[in-house]
Amino acid sequence: MSWSEFFAMNGYAFYVWGSYGVALLVFGIEILMVRNRRKNALRELRLMRDESGETGTGEVA
Protein backbone atom coordinates (compact mmCIF):
# COMPACT_ATOMS: atom_id res chain seq x y z
CA MET A 1 0.00 0.00 0.00
CA SER A 2 1.41 3.37 -1.00
CA TRP A 3 0.87 6.71 0.71
CA SER A 4 -1.32 7.93 -2.13
CA GLU A 5 -3.58 4.89 -1.74
CA PHE A 6 -3.72 5.47 2.01
CA PHE A 7 -4.73 9.12 1.64
CA ALA A 8 -7.24 8.25 -1.13
CA MET A 9 -9.02 5.77 1.23
CA ASN A 10 -10.42 3.71 -1.67
CA GLY A 11 -12.51 6.65 -2.88
CA TYR A 12 -13.83 7.64 0.55
CA ALA A 13 -11.11 10.19 1.30
CA PHE A 14 -13.44 13.20 0.99
CA TYR A 15 -15.78 11.81 3.64
CA VAL A 16 -13.04 10.51 5.97
CA TRP A 17 -10.78 13.56 5.86
CA GLY A 18 -13.77 15.89 5.79
CA SER A 19 -15.05 14.26 8.98
CA TYR A 20 -11.68 14.72 10.64
CA GLY A 21 -11.63 18.35 9.54
CA VAL A 22 -15.11 19.07 10.87
CA ALA A 23 -14.31 17.34 14.17
CA LEU A 24 -11.12 19.39 14.60
CA LEU A 25 -13.00 22.57 13.76
CA VAL A 26 -15.69 21.79 16.34
CA PHE A 27 -13.05 20.98 18.99
CA GLY A 28 -11.26 24.25 18.25
CA ILE A 29 -14.47 26.26 18.52
CA GLU A 30 -15.32 24.51 21.80
CA ILE A 31 -11.90 25.35 23.26
CA LEU A 32 -12.31 29.01 22.28
CA MET A 33 -15.81 29.15 23.76
CA VAL A 34 -14.67 27.60 27.05
CA ARG A 35 -11.77 30.08 27.29
CA ASN A 36 -14.14 32.98 26.66
CA ARG A 37 -16.66 31.68 29.19
CA ARG A 38 -13.90 31.28 31.81
CA LYS A 39 -12.60 34.79 31.17
CA ASN A 40 -16.10 36.24 31.56
CA ALA A 41 -16.74 34.28 34.75
CA LEU A 42 -13.47 35.46 36.30
CA ARG A 43 -14.26 39.05 35.30
CA GLU A 44 -17.70 38.80 36.92
CA LEU A 45 -16.20 37.33 40.10
CA ARG A 46 -13.67 40.17 40.28
CA LEU A 47 -16.45 42.73 39.85
CA MET A 48 -18.55 41.06 42.55
CA ARG A 49 -15.55 40.99 44.89
CA ASP A 50 -14.77 44.66 44.24
CA GLU A 51 -18.38 45.67 44.79
CA SER A 52 -18.53 43.85 48.14
CA GLY A 53 -15.39 45.64 49.37
CA GLU A 54 -13.23 42.60 49.99
CA THR A 55 -9.47 43.10 49.77
CA GLY A 56 -8.71 39.62 48.45
CA THR A 57 -7.32 38.36 51.76
CA GLY A 58 -10.72 37.42 53.13
CA GLU A 59 -10.99 40.59 55.18
CA VAL A 60 -13.49 43.36 54.59
CA ALA A 61 -11.92 46.74 53.90
C-alpha atoms as a PDB file:
ATOM      1  CA  MET A   1       0.000   0.000   0.000  1.00  0.00           C
ATOM      2  CA  SER A   2       1.410   3.373  -0.997  1.00  0.00           C
ATOM      3  CA  TRP A   3       0.871   6.713   0.710  1.00  0.00           C
ATOM      4  CA  SER A   4      -1.322   7.933  -2.128  1.00  0.00           C
ATOM      5  CA  GLU A   5      -3.582   4.887  -1.737  1.00  0.00           C
ATOM      6  CA  PHE A   6      -3.715   5.467   2.013  1.00  0.00           C
ATOM      7  CA  PHE A   7      -4.733   9.116   1.638  1.00  0.00           C
ATOM      8  CA  ALA A   8      -7.242   8.250  -1.131  1.00  0.00           C
ATOM      9  CA  MET A   9      -9.019   5.771   1.231  1.00  0.00           C
ATOM     10  CA  ASN A  10     -10.424   3.710  -1.669  1.00  0.00           C
ATOM     11  CA  GLY A  11     -12.507   6.652  -2.878  1.00  0.00           C
ATOM     12  CA  TYR A  12     -13.828   7.645   0.552  1.00  0.00           C
ATOM     13  CA  ALA A  13     -11.110  10.194   1.299  1.00  0.00           C
ATOM     14  CA  PHE A  14     -13.440  13.195   0.987  1.00  0.00           C
ATOM     15  CA  TYR A  15     -15.778  11.812   3.639  1.00  0.00           C
ATOM     16  CA  VAL A  16     -13.045  10.506   5.965  1.00  0.00           C
ATOM     17  CA  TRP A  17     -10.782  13.563   5.862  1.00  0.00           C
ATOM     18  CA  GLY A  18     -13.771  15.887   5.791  1.00  0.00           C
ATOM     19  CA  SER A  19     -15.051  14.261   8.979  1.00  0.00           C
ATOM     20  CA  TYR A  20     -11.676  14.716  10.642  1.00  0.00           C
ATOM     21  CA  GLY A  21     -11.628  18.347   9.537  1.00  0.00           C
ATOM     22  CA  VAL A  22     -15.111  19.068  10.865  1.00  0.00           C
ATOM     23  CA  ALA A  23     -14.306  17.344  14.169  1.00  0.00           C
ATOM     24  CA  LEU A  24     -11.118  19.385  14.597  1.00  0.00           C
ATOM     25  CA  LEU A  25     -13.002  22.570  13.757  1.00  0.00           C
ATOM     26  CA  VAL A  26     -15.689  21.786  16.344  1.00  0.00           C
ATOM     27  CA  PHE A  27     -13.048  20.976  18.988  1.00  0.00           C
ATOM     28  CA  GLY A  28     -11.263  24.245  18.249  1.00  0.00           C
ATOM     29  CA  ILE A  29     -14.475  26.258  18.523  1.00  0.00           C
ATOM     30  CA  GLU A  30     -15.325  24.508  21.801  1.00  0.00           C
ATOM     31  CA  ILE A  31     -11.901  25.352  23.255  1.00  0.00           C
ATOM     32  CA  LEU A  32     -12.313  29.011  22.284  1.00  0.00           C
ATOM     33  CA  MET A  33     -15.807  29.152  23.764  1.00  0.00           C
ATOM     34  CA  VAL A  34     -14.665  27.604  27.054  1.00  0.00           C
ATOM     35  CA  ARG A  35     -11.768  30.079  27.287  1.00  0.00           C
ATOM     36  CA  ASN A  36     -14.135  32.981  26.660  1.00  0.00           C
ATOM     37  CA  ARG A  37     -16.658  31.677  29.194  1.00  0.00           C
ATOM     38  CA  ARG A  38     -13.899  31.284  31.814  1.00  0.00           C
ATOM     39  CA  LYS A  39     -12.600  34.793  31.170  1.00  0.00           C
ATOM     40  CA  ASN A  40     -16.098  36.241  31.559  1.00  0.00           C
ATOM     41  CA  ALA A  41     -16.744  34.277  34.749  1.00  0.00           C
ATOM     42  CA  LEU A  42     -13.470  35.460  36.302  1.00  0.00           C
ATOM     43  CA  ARG A  43     -14.260  39.048  35.305  1.00  0.00           C
ATOM     44  CA  GLU A  44     -17.703  38.800  36.920  1.00  0.00           C
ATOM     45  CA  LEU A  45     -16.202  37.326  40.096  1.00  0.00           C
ATOM     46  CA  ARG A  46     -13.670  40.170  40.284  1.00  0.00           C
ATOM     47  CA  LEU A  47     -16.455  42.732  39.854  1.00  0.00           C
ATOM     48  CA  MET A  48     -18.553  41.056  42.551  1.00  0.00           C
ATOM     49  CA  ARG A  49     -15.545  40.990  44.892  1.00  0.00           C
ATOM     50  CA  ASP A  50     -14.769  44.661  44.236  1.00  0.00           C
ATOM     51  CA  GLU A  51     -18.382  45.672  44.793  1.00  0.00           C
ATOM     52  CA  SER A  52     -18.533  43.854  48.135  1.00  0.00           C
ATOM     53  CA  GLY A  53     -15.390  45.640  49.371  1.00  0.00           C
ATOM     54  CA  GLU A  54     -13.227  42.598  49.989  1.00  0.00           C
ATOM     55  CA  THR A  55      -9.474  43.098  49.772  1.00  0.00           C
ATOM     56  CA  GLY A  56      -8.707  39.623  48.452  1.00  0.00           C
ATOM     57  CA  THR A  57      -7.315  38.362  51.764  1.00  0.00           C
ATOM     58  CA  GLY A  58     -10.716  37.419  53.126  1.00  0.00           C
ATOM     59  CA  GLU A  59     -10.989  40.587  55.182  1.00  0.00           C
ATOM     60  CA  VAL A  60     -13.486  43.365  54.586  1.00  0.00           C
ATOM     61  CA  ALA A  61     -11.916  46.744  53.895  1.00  0.00           C
END
